[in-house]
């Protein structure tokens, strides 16, 4: 029984890793989309090292952008 539970737990962690990877990919894609599409956002971030933003930073920018566009950044 312990072997089955270990296999189940490993499967769950694989699923969680897949979900995290999908979430990271979605955030990266959404950020790239709004960044490429909105010149005001690019101007607001022109002094930032956008290429090295973490997923968390991109998420925060997306959230602020959704609240007020580039002016919310």
Protein backbone atom coordinates (compact mmCIF):
# COMPACT_ATOMS: atom_id res chain seq x y z
CA UNK A 1 0.00 0.00 0.00
CA UNK A 2 2.82 2.44 0.79
CA UNK A 3 4.21 2.05 -2.74
CA UNK A 4 0.86 3.00 -4.25
CA UNK A 5 0.58 6.06 -2.02
CA UNK A 6 4.11 7.12 -2.95
CA UNK A 7 3.29 6.73 -6.64
CA UNK A 8 0.11 8.75 -6.14
CA UNK A 9 1.99 11.48 -4.29
CA UNK A 10 4.62 11.61 -7.05
CA UNK A 11 1.89 11.87 -9.65
CA UNK A 12 0.30 14.73 -7.78
CA UNK A 13 3.57 16.60 -7.54
CA UNK A 14 4.13 16.09 -11.27
CA UNK A 15 0.67 17.54 -11.89
CA UNK A 16 1.43 20.47 -9.62
CA UNK A 17 4.71 21.10 -11.45
CA UNK A 18 2.87 20.96 -14.77
CA UNK A 19 0.28 23.44 -13.46
CA UNK A 20 3.04 25.77 -12.27
CA UNK A 21 4.81 25.53 -15.61
CA UNK A 22 1.57 26.27 -17.45
CA UNK A 23 0.88 29.23 -15.17
CA UNK A 24 4.38 30.63 -15.71
CA UNK A 25 4.00 30.22 -19.46
CA UNK A 26 0.60 31.94 -19.43
CA UNK A 27 2.00 34.88 -17.44
CA UNK A 28 4.99 35.20 -19.77
CA UNK A 29 2.73 35.12 -22.83
CA UNK A 30 0.24 37.63 -21.40
CA UNK A 31 3.01 40.01 -20.41
CA UNK A 32 4.64 39.76 -23.85
CA UNK A 33 1.29 40.40 -25.52
CA UNK A 34 0.45 43.55 -23.59
CA UNK A 35 4.05 44.79 -23.71
CA UNK A 36 4.28 44.41 -27.48
CA UNK A 37 0.79 45.81 -28.08
CA UNK A 38 0.92 48.93 -25.90
CA UNK A 39 3.51 51.63 -26.61
CA UNK A 40 2.51 53.46 -23.40
CA UNK A 41 3.44 50.38 -21.37
CA UNK A 42 6.78 50.11 -23.15
CA UNK A 43 7.41 53.79 -22.38
CA UNK A 44 6.47 53.29 -18.71
CA UNK A 45 8.94 50.41 -18.47
CA UNK A 46 11.67 51.83 -20.71
CA UNK A 47 14.15 52.24 -17.85
CA UNK A 48 13.51 48.72 -16.56
CA UNK A 49 15.32 45.56 -17.55
CA UNK A 50 12.18 43.93 -18.95
CA UNK A 51 14.07 40.91 -20.29
CA UNK A 52 15.04 39.94 -16.75
CA UNK A 53 11.69 40.43 -15.01
CA UNK A 54 10.69 37.49 -12.87
CA UNK A 55 7.34 35.79 -13.35
CA UNK A 56 6.18 37.49 -10.14
CA UNK A 57 7.16 40.92 -11.44
CA UNK A 58 5.39 40.26 -14.73
CA UNK A 59 2.29 39.14 -12.84
CA UNK A 60 2.28 42.32 -10.74
CA UNK A 61 2.60 44.44 -13.86
CA UNK A 62 -0.25 42.56 -15.55
CA UNK A 63 -2.45 43.07 -12.48
CA UNK A 64 -1.68 46.80 -12.34
CA UNK A 65 -2.17 47.10 -16.09
CA UNK A 66 -5.59 45.46 -15.87
CA UNK A 67 -6.61 48.01 -13.24
CA UNK A 68 -5.60 51.12 -15.14
CA UNK A 69 -3.65 50.43 -18.30
CA UNK A 70 -0.12 51.74 -18.61
CA UNK A 71 -1.07 54.64 -16.33
CA UNK A 72 -1.56 52.09 -13.52
CA UNK A 73 2.06 51.01 -13.67
